[in-house]
């Protein structure tokens, strides 16, 4: 009997020692945990870069990173920063280079989820080759518009091709032709 009582006490003490207990909430019954905020405006943010390259002599490159916001489902408006570099090897006359920088703004309307229309205004500071003194700079305005095609390569990234027309020709224009072919990469920021 002592043996049985000892085993029973051992089992009972072990059960009490390793027993699971419930956690009792002693705080405010109206307490609500903080919810993770979702920033809805981030779902409408788009970013990317358009580029144009002309290898050879003259070597020409144009980069335009952009950041836009989808105002409504298919209408996007945004800002760009333009960079252009030209290098011309003139043989015995030397090599000349030109760097152009400037801000811009654009609006783009997408239809049929793959085609889009785009209007863009750029204001670039560039060398003034018509000035009487060398090394002078001037601001040149560009108003361009055109259409494009985008091909999704993932859920949030697309490749773009864009055919634009320059409505403000200038002897100082960085574009060799009034018709401009650009390629680009665009990403949704969500």
N, C-alpha and C. Protein backbone atom coordinates (compact mmCIF):
# COMPACT_ATOMS: atom_id res chain seq x y z
N UNK A 1 0.81 -1.16 0.00
CA UNK A 1 0.00 0.00 0.00
C UNK A 1 0.87 1.26 0.00
N UNK A 2 1.95 1.22 0.74
CA UNK A 2 2.86 2.35 0.74
C UNK A 2 3.46 2.56 -0.63
N UNK A 3 3.75 1.48 -1.27
CA UNK A 3 4.33 1.55 -2.60
C UNK A 3 3.32 2.18 -3.56
N UNK A 4 2.08 1.78 -3.51
CA UNK A 4 1.06 2.33 -4.39
C UNK A 4 0.85 3.81 -4.10
N UNK A 5 0.83 4.14 -2.82
CA UNK A 5 0.66 5.54 -2.44
C UNK A 5 1.86 6.37 -2.91
N UNK A 6 3.07 5.85 -2.82
CA UNK A 6 4.26 6.55 -3.29
C UNK A 6 4.21 6.78 -4.81
N UNK A 7 3.80 5.75 -5.56
CA UNK A 7 3.70 5.89 -7.02
C UNK A 7 2.63 6.92 -7.38
N UNK A 8 1.50 6.86 -6.68
CA UNK A 8 0.42 7.80 -6.93
C UNK A 8 0.86 9.23 -6.63
N UNK A 9 1.60 9.46 -5.55
CA UNK A 9 2.11 10.79 -5.22
C UNK A 9 3.15 11.25 -6.24
N UNK A 10 3.99 10.34 -6.70
CA UNK A 10 4.99 10.67 -7.71
C UNK A 10 4.31 11.09 -9.02
N UNK A 11 3.33 10.33 -9.48
CA UNK A 11 2.60 10.66 -10.71
C UNK A 11 1.86 11.98 -10.55
N UNK A 12 1.23 12.18 -9.40
CA UNK A 12 0.47 13.40 -9.16
C UNK A 12 1.40 14.61 -9.11
N UNK A 13 2.54 14.52 -8.44
CA UNK A 13 3.48 15.65 -8.37
C UNK A 13 4.09 15.95 -9.74
N UNK A 14 4.38 14.91 -10.52
CA UNK A 14 4.90 15.11 -11.87
C UNK A 14 3.86 15.77 -12.75
N UNK A 15 2.62 15.35 -12.63
CA UNK A 15 1.55 15.94 -13.43
C UNK A 15 1.35 17.41 -13.07
N UNK A 16 1.45 17.74 -11.80
CA UNK A 16 1.29 19.13 -11.38
C UNK A 16 2.48 19.97 -11.87
N UNK A 17 3.66 19.42 -11.79
CA UNK A 17 4.85 20.16 -12.20
C UNK A 17 4.87 20.46 -13.70
N UNK A 18 4.41 19.55 -14.52
CA UNK A 18 4.46 19.73 -15.98
C UNK A 18 3.10 20.06 -16.58
N UNK A 19 2.17 20.45 -15.77
CA UNK A 19 0.83 20.75 -16.27
C UNK A 19 0.84 22.05 -17.06
N UNK A 20 0.05 22.12 -18.13
CA UNK A 20 -0.07 23.32 -18.95
C UNK A 20 -1.06 24.26 -18.29
N UNK A 21 -0.70 25.52 -18.20
CA UNK A 21 -1.61 26.50 -17.61
C UNK A 21 -2.00 27.50 -18.68
N UNK A 22 -3.20 28.04 -18.61
CA UNK A 22 -3.69 29.04 -19.55
C UNK A 22 -3.17 30.42 -19.15
N UNK A 23 -2.88 31.23 -20.16
CA UNK A 23 -2.46 32.60 -19.91
C UNK A 23 -3.73 33.41 -19.73
N UNK A 24 -3.79 34.19 -18.71
CA UNK A 24 -4.96 35.00 -18.41
C UNK A 24 -4.67 36.43 -18.82
N UNK A 25 -5.56 37.01 -19.65
CA UNK A 25 -5.41 38.39 -20.10
C UNK A 25 -5.91 39.31 -19.00
N UNK A 26 -5.05 40.19 -18.55
CA UNK A 26 -5.43 41.09 -17.44
C UNK A 26 -5.45 42.54 -17.88
N UNK A 27 -5.37 42.81 -19.20
CA UNK A 27 -5.31 44.18 -19.68
C UNK A 27 -6.69 44.76 -19.94
N UNK A 28 -6.72 45.82 -20.75
CA UNK A 28 -7.94 46.54 -21.09
C UNK A 28 -8.75 45.70 -22.08
N UNK A 29 -10.05 45.46 -21.81
CA UNK A 29 -10.84 44.65 -22.74
C UNK A 29 -11.10 45.36 -24.07
N UNK A 30 -10.88 46.68 -24.15
CA UNK A 30 -11.10 47.43 -25.39
C UNK A 30 -9.80 47.57 -26.20
N UNK A 31 -8.74 46.95 -25.76
CA UNK A 31 -7.45 47.03 -26.45
C UNK A 31 -7.52 46.33 -27.80
N UNK A 32 -7.04 47.03 -28.83
CA UNK A 32 -6.95 46.45 -30.17
C UNK A 32 -5.49 46.55 -30.61
N UNK A 33 -4.94 45.47 -31.13
CA UNK A 33 -3.54 45.53 -31.58
C UNK A 33 -3.41 46.47 -32.77
N UNK A 34 -2.22 47.06 -32.91
CA UNK A 34 -1.97 47.98 -34.03
C UNK A 34 -2.03 47.21 -35.34
N UNK A 35 -2.77 47.77 -36.28
CA UNK A 35 -2.85 47.15 -37.60
C UNK A 35 -1.75 47.71 -38.47
N UNK A 36 -1.23 46.87 -39.33
CA UNK A 36 -0.20 47.30 -40.26
C UNK A 36 -0.84 48.23 -41.29
N UNK A 37 -0.26 49.42 -41.42
CA UNK A 37 -0.81 50.39 -42.36
C UNK A 37 -0.40 50.02 -43.77
N UNK A 38 -1.35 50.09 -44.68
CA UNK A 38 -1.05 49.92 -46.10
C UNK A 38 -1.14 51.28 -46.75
N UNK A 39 -0.08 51.67 -47.37
CA UNK A 39 -0.05 52.95 -48.04
C UNK A 39 -0.59 52.76 -49.46
N UNK A 40 -1.85 53.13 -49.64
CA UNK A 40 -2.51 52.93 -50.93
C UNK A 40 -1.84 53.71 -52.05
N UNK A 41 -1.28 54.87 -51.74
CA UNK A 41 -0.70 55.68 -52.79
C UNK A 41 0.52 55.01 -53.42
N UNK A 42 1.21 54.12 -52.67
CA UNK A 42 2.35 53.41 -53.23
C UNK A 42 1.95 52.48 -54.37
N UNK A 43 0.71 51.99 -54.34
CA UNK A 43 0.25 51.09 -55.39
C UNK A 43 0.10 51.80 -56.73
N UNK A 44 0.05 53.14 -56.70
CA UNK A 44 -0.14 53.92 -57.92
C UNK A 44 1.17 54.55 -58.42
N UNK A 45 2.26 54.27 -57.76
CA UNK A 45 3.55 54.84 -58.13
C UNK A 45 4.24 53.99 -59.18
N UNK A 46 4.80 54.64 -60.21
CA UNK A 46 5.51 53.97 -61.28
C UNK A 46 6.88 54.63 -61.44
N UNK A 47 7.87 53.85 -61.77
CA UNK A 47 9.20 54.39 -62.00
C UNK A 47 9.88 53.64 -63.12
N UNK A 48 10.88 54.24 -63.71
CA UNK A 48 11.59 53.56 -64.79
C UNK A 48 12.57 54.47 -65.48
N UNK A 49 13.00 54.04 -66.64
CA UNK A 49 13.95 54.81 -67.43
C UNK A 49 13.68 54.58 -68.91
N UNK A 50 13.73 55.64 -69.69
CA UNK A 50 13.70 55.55 -71.15
C UNK A 50 15.10 55.85 -71.65
N UNK A 51 15.49 55.22 -72.74
CA UNK A 51 16.83 55.47 -73.24
C UNK A 51 16.85 55.39 -74.77
N UNK A 52 17.87 56.03 -75.30
CA UNK A 52 18.11 56.03 -76.74
C UNK A 52 19.62 55.99 -76.90
N UNK A 53 20.09 55.20 -77.83
CA UNK A 53 21.54 55.11 -78.05
C UNK A 53 21.80 55.06 -79.56
N UNK A 54 22.82 55.76 -79.96
CA UNK A 54 23.20 55.84 -81.36
C UNK A 54 24.70 55.56 -81.41
N UNK A 55 25.11 54.30 -81.62
CA UNK A 55 26.55 54.00 -81.63
C UNK A 55 27.21 54.50 -82.91
N UNK A 56 28.49 54.65 -82.85
CA UNK A 56 29.23 55.08 -84.04
C UNK A 56 29.81 56.46 -83.84
N UNK A 57 29.97 57.17 -84.94
CA UNK A 57 30.50 58.53 -84.90
C UNK A 57 29.51 59.46 -85.59
N UNK A 58 28.80 60.28 -84.92
CA UNK A 58 28.89 60.60 -83.51
C UNK A 58 28.22 59.53 -82.63
N UNK A 59 28.80 59.36 -81.45
CA UNK A 59 28.19 58.49 -80.45
C UNK A 59 27.20 59.35 -79.66
N UNK A 60 25.99 58.85 -79.51
CA UNK A 60 24.94 59.62 -78.84
C UNK A 60 24.19 58.70 -77.89
N UNK A 61 23.94 59.18 -76.68
CA UNK A 61 23.12 58.44 -75.73
C UNK A 61 22.20 59.41 -75.00
N UNK A 62 21.03 58.92 -74.67
CA UNK A 62 20.02 59.72 -73.98
C UNK A 62 19.36 58.85 -72.92
N UNK A 63 19.34 59.31 -71.68
CA UNK A 63 18.71 58.59 -70.57
C UNK A 63 17.70 59.51 -69.91
N UNK A 64 16.52 58.98 -69.61
CA UNK A 64 15.49 59.78 -68.96
C UNK A 64 14.80 58.95 -67.88
N UNK A 65 15.36 58.91 -66.66
CA UNK A 65 14.65 58.24 -65.58
C UNK A 65 13.38 59.03 -65.24
N UNK A 66 12.33 58.31 -64.91
CA UNK A 66 11.07 58.98 -64.62
C UNK A 66 10.38 58.36 -63.42
N UNK A 67 9.57 59.18 -62.76
CA UNK A 67 8.77 58.75 -61.62
C UNK A 67 7.37 59.32 -61.82
N UNK A 68 6.39 58.42 -61.89
CA UNK A 68 5.03 58.86 -62.17
C UNK A 68 4.03 58.31 -61.19
N UNK A 69 2.83 58.87 -61.25
CA UNK A 69 1.74 58.48 -60.37
C UNK A 69 0.51 58.26 -61.23
N UNK A 70 -0.15 57.11 -61.04
CA UNK A 70 -1.37 56.80 -61.79
C UNK A 70 -2.52 57.57 -61.16
N UNK A 71 -2.91 58.67 -61.79
CA UNK A 71 -3.98 59.52 -61.27
C UNK A 71 -5.30 58.75 -61.25
N UNK A 72 -5.61 58.10 -62.34
CA UNK A 72 -6.71 57.15 -62.44
C UNK A 72 -6.12 55.87 -63.04
N UNK A 73 -6.93 54.87 -63.24
CA UNK A 73 -6.42 53.55 -63.62
C UNK A 73 -5.45 53.59 -64.80
N UNK A 74 -5.79 54.27 -65.87
CA UNK A 74 -4.96 54.23 -67.08
C UNK A 74 -4.24 55.54 -67.40
N UNK A 75 -4.37 56.55 -66.55
CA UNK A 75 -3.74 57.85 -66.80
C UNK A 75 -2.65 58.09 -65.76
N UNK A 76 -1.45 58.32 -66.25
CA UNK A 76 -0.28 58.51 -65.40
C UNK A 76 0.35 59.85 -65.70
N UNK A 77 0.81 60.55 -64.67
CA UNK A 77 1.52 61.82 -64.83
C UNK A 77 2.76 61.75 -63.96
N UNK A 78 3.84 62.39 -64.43
CA UNK A 78 5.06 62.30 -63.64
C UNK A 78 6.14 63.25 -64.08
N UNK A 79 7.30 63.10 -63.45
CA UNK A 79 8.47 63.93 -63.69
C UNK A 79 9.60 63.09 -64.25
N UNK A 80 10.43 63.72 -65.06
CA UNK A 80 11.59 63.04 -65.62
C UNK A 80 12.83 63.90 -65.36
N UNK A 81 13.97 63.26 -65.45
CA UNK A 81 15.24 63.97 -65.46
C UNK A 81 16.01 63.46 -66.66
N UNK A 82 16.39 64.35 -67.54
CA UNK A 82 16.99 63.98 -68.82
C UNK A 82 18.50 64.19 -68.79
N UNK A 83 19.19 63.24 -69.39
CA UNK A 83 20.63 63.31 -69.53
C UNK A 83 20.99 62.87 -70.94
N UNK A 84 21.81 63.66 -71.61
CA UNK A 84 22.25 63.32 -72.95
C UNK A 84 23.75 63.56 -73.06
N UNK A 85 24.42 62.65 -73.77
CA UNK A 85 25.85 62.77 -73.99
C UNK A 85 26.14 62.48 -75.45
N UNK A 86 26.89 63.37 -76.08
CA UNK A 86 27.29 63.20 -77.48
C UNK A 86 28.80 63.33 -77.58
N UNK A 87 29.40 62.43 -78.36
CA UNK A 87 30.85 62.47 -78.59
C UNK A 87 31.07 62.39 -80.09
N UNK A 88 31.79 63.37 -80.64
CA UNK A 88 32.06 63.43 -82.07
C UNK A 88 33.56 63.46 -82.29
N UNK A 89 34.08 62.47 -83.03
CA UNK A 89 35.50 62.41 -83.38
C UNK A 89 35.66 63.05 -84.75
N UNK A 90 36.34 64.19 -84.79
CA UNK A 90 36.51 64.95 -86.04
C UNK A 90 37.90 64.77 -86.63
N UNK A 91 38.51 63.64 -86.34
CA UNK A 91 39.83 63.35 -86.90
C UNK A 91 40.89 64.30 -86.42
N UNK A 92 41.56 64.98 -87.37
CA UNK A 92 42.65 65.89 -87.01
C UNK A 92 42.16 67.16 -86.31
N UNK A 93 40.86 67.43 -86.37
CA UNK A 93 40.30 68.61 -85.70
C UNK A 93 40.01 68.34 -84.22
N UNK A 94 40.10 67.08 -83.78
CA UNK A 94 39.91 66.76 -82.37
C UNK A 94 38.57 66.09 -82.09
N UNK A 95 38.34 65.90 -80.83
CA UNK A 95 37.11 65.26 -80.36
C UNK A 95 36.30 66.29 -79.58
N UNK A 96 35.04 66.38 -79.89
CA UNK A 96 34.17 67.28 -79.13
C UNK A 96 33.09 66.47 -78.43
N UNK A 97 32.77 66.91 -77.22
CA UNK A 97 31.72 66.24 -76.45
C UNK A 97 30.69 67.28 -76.01
N UNK A 98 29.49 66.79 -75.74
CA UNK A 98 28.42 67.66 -75.26
C UNK A 98 27.59 66.89 -74.25
N UNK A 99 27.38 67.48 -73.09
CA UNK A 99 26.54 66.90 -72.05
C UNK A 99 25.37 67.84 -71.81
N UNK A 100 24.17 67.27 -71.78
CA UNK A 100 22.95 68.05 -71.61
C UNK A 100 22.16 67.46 -70.45
N UNK A 101 21.69 68.33 -69.57
CA UNK A 101 20.88 67.91 -68.43
C UNK A 101 19.64 68.78 -68.33
N UNK A 102 18.56 68.21 -67.77
CA UNK A 102 17.39 69.03 -67.54
C UNK A 102 16.18 68.26 -67.06
N UNK A 103 15.26 68.96 -66.41
CA UNK A 103 14.03 68.32 -65.92
C UNK A 103 12.97 68.25 -67.00
N UNK A 104 11.93 67.49 -66.70
CA UNK A 104 10.81 67.38 -67.63
C UNK A 104 9.58 66.85 -66.92
N UNK A 105 8.48 66.87 -67.63
CA UNK A 105 7.22 66.34 -67.11
C UNK A 105 6.52 65.59 -68.24
N UNK A 106 5.71 64.60 -67.88
CA UNK A 106 5.02 63.82 -68.89
C UNK A 106 3.65 63.40 -68.39
N UNK A 107 2.82 63.03 -69.34
CA UNK A 107 1.55 62.39 -69.05
C UNK A 107 1.39 61.25 -70.04
N UNK A 108 0.81 60.15 -69.57
CA UNK A 108 0.71 58.95 -70.40
C UNK A 108 -0.64 58.28 -70.17
N UNK A 109 -1.30 57.96 -71.25
CA UNK A 109 -2.59 57.26 -71.18
C UNK A 109 -2.42 55.88 -71.81
N UNK A 110 -2.75 54.84 -71.05
CA UNK A 110 -2.62 53.46 -71.52
C UNK A 110 -3.99 52.92 -71.88
N UNK A 111 -4.09 52.30 -73.03
CA UNK A 111 -5.33 51.64 -73.42
C UNK A 111 -5.00 50.24 -73.92
N UNK A 112 -5.93 49.35 -73.76
CA UNK A 112 -5.77 47.96 -74.17
C UNK A 112 -4.62 47.28 -73.43
N UNK A 113 -4.24 47.81 -72.28
CA UNK A 113 -3.19 47.31 -71.38
C UNK A 113 -1.81 47.15 -72.01
N UNK A 114 -1.65 47.41 -73.30
CA UNK A 114 -0.34 47.28 -73.93
C UNK A 114 0.08 48.51 -74.73
N UNK A 115 -0.86 49.30 -75.20
CA UNK A 115 -0.55 50.47 -76.02
C UNK A 115 -0.77 51.73 -75.19
N UNK A 116 0.05 52.74 -75.46
CA UNK A 116 -0.12 53.99 -74.72
C UNK A 116 0.21 55.19 -75.59
N UNK A 117 -0.35 56.33 -75.21
CA UNK A 117 -0.06 57.63 -75.81
C UNK A 117 0.69 58.43 -74.76
N UNK A 118 1.67 59.20 -75.20
CA UNK A 118 2.49 59.94 -74.24
C UNK A 118 2.79 61.34 -74.77
N UNK A 119 2.68 62.33 -73.90
CA UNK A 119 3.08 63.70 -74.20
C UNK A 119 4.12 64.09 -73.15
N UNK A 120 5.16 64.77 -73.61
CA UNK A 120 6.27 65.08 -72.71
C UNK A 120 6.79 66.48 -72.99
N UNK A 121 7.15 67.18 -71.93
CA UNK A 121 7.76 68.51 -72.03
C UNK A 121 9.08 68.46 -71.28
N UNK A 122 10.17 68.86 -71.94
CA UNK A 122 11.49 68.85 -71.32
C UNK A 122 12.11 70.23 -71.45
N UNK A 123 12.91 70.59 -70.48
CA UNK A 123 13.58 71.89 -70.44
C UNK A 123 15.04 71.61 -70.10
N UNK A 124 15.92 71.66 -71.10
CA UNK A 124 17.29 71.20 -70.91
C UNK A 124 18.32 72.31 -71.09
N UNK A 125 19.32 72.26 -70.22
CA UNK A 125 20.43 73.20 -70.29
C UNK A 125 21.54 72.56 -71.11
N UNK A 126 21.93 73.26 -72.16
CA UNK A 126 22.89 72.68 -73.09
C UNK A 126 23.79 73.76 -73.69
N UNK A 127 24.90 73.37 -74.29
CA UNK A 127 25.80 74.35 -74.89
C UNK A 127 25.12 75.12 -76.01
N UNK A 128 25.42 76.41 -76.06
CA UNK A 128 24.85 77.29 -77.09
C UNK A 128 25.91 77.50 -78.18
N UNK A 129 25.77 76.75 -79.26
CA UNK A 129 26.74 76.84 -80.34
C UNK A 129 26.51 78.06 -81.22
N UNK A 130 25.42 78.78 -81.01
CA UNK A 130 25.15 80.00 -81.77
C UNK A 130 25.65 81.24 -81.05
N UNK A 131 26.16 81.08 -79.83
CA UNK A 131 26.67 82.21 -79.05
C UNK A 131 27.97 82.72 -79.64
N UNK A 132 28.24 83.98 -79.40
CA UNK A 132 29.46 84.59 -79.93
C UNK A 132 30.69 84.11 -79.16
N UNK A 133 30.52 83.83 -77.89
CA UNK A 133 31.63 83.36 -77.07
C UNK A 133 31.51 81.86 -76.85
N UNK A 134 32.59 81.11 -76.95
CA UNK A 134 32.51 79.67 -76.69
C UNK A 134 32.27 79.40 -75.20
N UNK A 135 31.66 78.27 -74.93
CA UNK A 135 31.40 77.88 -73.55
C UNK A 135 30.10 78.42 -72.97
N UNK A 136 29.29 79.07 -73.79
CA UNK A 136 28.01 79.61 -73.32
C UNK A 136 26.96 78.49 -73.30
N UNK A 137 26.06 78.57 -72.34
CA UNK A 137 24.96 77.61 -72.23
C UNK A 137 23.63 78.32 -72.36
N UNK A 138 22.64 77.57 -72.80
CA UNK A 138 21.29 78.10 -72.92
C UNK A 138 20.29 77.01 -72.57
N UNK A 139 19.06 77.43 -72.30
CA UNK A 139 17.98 76.49 -72.01
C UNK A 139 17.16 76.29 -73.27
N UNK A 140 16.90 75.04 -73.62
CA UNK A 140 16.13 74.70 -74.82
C UNK A 140 14.91 73.88 -74.40
N UNK A 141 13.76 74.23 -74.97
CA UNK A 141 12.52 73.54 -74.66
C UNK A 141 12.23 72.48 -75.71
N UNK A 142 11.68 71.36 -75.24
CA UNK A 142 11.27 70.28 -76.14
C UNK A 142 9.85 69.87 -75.78
N UNK A 143 8.98 69.87 -76.75
CA UNK A 143 7.62 69.35 -76.58
C UNK A 143 7.50 68.17 -77.54
N UNK A 144 7.30 66.98 -76.99
CA UNK A 144 7.22 65.78 -77.81
C UNK A 144 5.95 65.01 -77.45
N UNK A 145 5.47 64.26 -78.41
CA UNK A 145 4.30 63.40 -78.18
C UNK A 145 4.42 62.20 -79.10
N UNK A 146 3.77 61.11 -78.69
CA UNK A 146 3.85 59.91 -79.51
C UNK A 146 3.09 58.76 -78.90
N UNK A 147 3.37 57.59 -79.43
CA UNK A 147 2.69 56.38 -78.97
C UNK A 147 3.72 55.31 -78.67
N UNK A 148 3.29 54.32 -77.91
CA UNK A 148 4.23 53.28 -77.54
C UNK A 148 3.54 51.96 -77.27
N UNK A 149 4.37 50.96 -77.07
CA UNK A 149 3.90 49.61 -76.79
C UNK A 149 4.68 49.08 -75.61
N UNK A 150 3.99 48.45 -74.66
CA UNK A 150 4.69 47.86 -73.52
C UNK A 150 4.39 46.38 -73.44
N UNK A 151 5.42 45.63 -73.11
CA UNK A 151 5.33 44.18 -72.98
C UNK A 151 5.72 43.81 -71.56
N UNK A 152 4.79 43.21 -70.83
CA UNK A 152 5.07 42.81 -69.46
C UNK A 152 6.06 41.64 -69.45
N UNK A 153 7.10 41.78 -68.60
CA UNK A 153 8.04 40.68 -68.43
C UNK A 153 7.87 40.03 -67.07
N UNK A 154 7.12 40.69 -66.19
CA UNK A 154 6.72 40.12 -64.91
C UNK A 154 5.46 40.86 -64.48
N UNK A 155 4.99 40.58 -63.29
CA UNK A 155 3.76 41.21 -62.82
C UNK A 155 3.93 42.72 -62.66
N UNK A 156 5.12 43.18 -62.29
CA UNK A 156 5.34 44.59 -62.02
C UNK A 156 6.34 45.29 -62.94
N UNK A 157 6.93 44.58 -63.89
CA UNK A 157 7.95 45.18 -64.75
C UNK A 157 7.57 44.99 -66.21
N UNK A 158 7.78 46.05 -67.01
CA UNK A 158 7.48 45.95 -68.44
C UNK A 158 8.57 46.62 -69.26
N UNK A 159 8.76 46.11 -70.47
CA UNK A 159 9.65 46.72 -71.46
C UNK A 159 8.81 47.60 -72.37
N UNK A 160 9.33 48.77 -72.72
CA UNK A 160 8.57 49.71 -73.54
C UNK A 160 9.34 50.07 -74.80
N UNK A 161 8.61 50.31 -75.86
CA UNK A 161 9.17 50.95 -77.05
C UNK A 161 8.28 52.15 -77.34
N UNK A 162 8.91 53.24 -77.71
CA UNK A 162 8.20 54.52 -77.79
C UNK A 162 8.63 55.26 -79.05
N UNK A 163 7.66 55.70 -79.82
CA UNK A 163 7.92 56.49 -81.03
C UNK A 163 7.35 57.88 -80.79
N UNK A 164 8.24 58.89 -80.70
CA UNK A 164 7.84 60.26 -80.36
C UNK A 164 8.15 61.19 -81.54
N UNK A 165 7.43 62.31 -81.55
CA UNK A 165 7.66 63.35 -82.55
C UNK A 165 8.01 64.64 -81.82
N UNK A 166 9.08 65.30 -82.24
CA UNK A 166 9.52 66.56 -81.63
C UNK A 166 8.81 67.73 -82.30
N UNK A 167 7.92 68.40 -81.57
CA UNK A 167 7.14 69.50 -82.13
C UNK A 167 7.87 70.84 -82.05
N UNK A 168 8.99 70.91 -81.38
CA UNK A 168 9.73 72.16 -81.23
C UNK A 168 11.14 72.00 -81.76
N UNK A 169 11.30 71.96 -83.07
CA UNK A 169 12.66 71.80 -83.61
C UNK A 169 13.50 73.03 -83.30
N UNK A 170 14.76 72.81 -83.08
CA UNK A 170 15.69 73.89 -82.79
C UNK A 170 17.03 73.51 -83.40
N UNK A 171 17.79 74.49 -83.87
CA UNK A 171 19.14 74.18 -84.37
C UNK A 171 20.03 73.59 -83.27
N UNK A 172 19.66 73.81 -82.00
CA UNK A 172 20.44 73.29 -80.88
C UNK A 172 19.90 71.96 -80.36
N UNK A 173 18.93 71.38 -81.04
CA UNK A 173 18.28 70.16 -80.57
C UNK A 173 19.27 69.02 -80.37
N UNK A 174 19.08 68.26 -79.30
CA UNK A 174 19.94 67.10 -79.05
C UNK A 174 19.51 65.90 -79.88
N UNK A 175 18.33 65.95 -80.45
CA UNK A 175 17.83 64.85 -81.27
C UNK A 175 18.20 65.11 -82.72
N UNK A 176 18.77 64.09 -83.37
CA UNK A 176 19.21 64.26 -84.75
C UNK A 176 18.02 64.38 -85.71
N UNK A 177 16.91 63.75 -85.38
CA UNK A 177 15.72 63.79 -86.23
C UNK A 177 14.53 64.27 -85.41
N UNK A 178 13.47 64.66 -86.09
CA UNK A 178 12.25 65.05 -85.37
C UNK A 178 11.50 63.83 -84.88
N UNK A 179 11.70 62.68 -85.53
CA UNK A 179 11.08 61.43 -85.07
C UNK A 179 12.09 60.74 -84.16
N UNK A 180 11.64 60.40 -82.96
CA UNK A 180 12.52 59.87 -81.92
C UNK A 180 12.05 58.47 -81.53
N UNK A 181 12.95 57.51 -81.59
CA UNK A 181 12.65 56.14 -81.16
C UNK A 181 13.39 55.88 -79.86
N UNK A 182 12.62 55.54 -78.82
CA UNK A 182 13.22 55.26 -77.52
C UNK A 182 12.73 53.91 -77.01
N UNK A 183 13.50 53.35 -76.12
CA UNK A 183 13.14 52.11 -75.44
C UNK A 183 13.17 52.39 -73.95
N UNK A 184 12.51 51.54 -73.19
CA UNK A 184 12.48 51.82 -71.76
C UNK A 184 12.11 50.62 -70.93
N UNK A 185 12.19 50.83 -69.65
CA UNK A 185 11.86 49.84 -68.64
C UNK A 185 11.04 50.55 -67.58
N UNK A 186 9.87 49.99 -67.24
CA UNK A 186 8.99 50.60 -66.24
C UNK A 186 8.65 49.58 -65.19
N UNK A 187 8.58 50.03 -63.94
CA UNK A 187 8.25 49.14 -62.83
C UNK A 187 7.18 49.77 -61.95
N UNK A 188 6.23 48.98 -61.51
CA UNK A 188 5.26 49.42 -60.50
C UNK A 188 5.96 49.34 -59.16
N UNK A 189 5.74 50.33 -58.31
CA UNK A 189 6.44 50.38 -57.04
C UNK A 189 5.75 49.63 -55.90
N UNK A 190 4.63 48.97 -56.18
CA UNK A 190 3.92 48.28 -55.08
C UNK A 190 4.52 46.96 -54.75
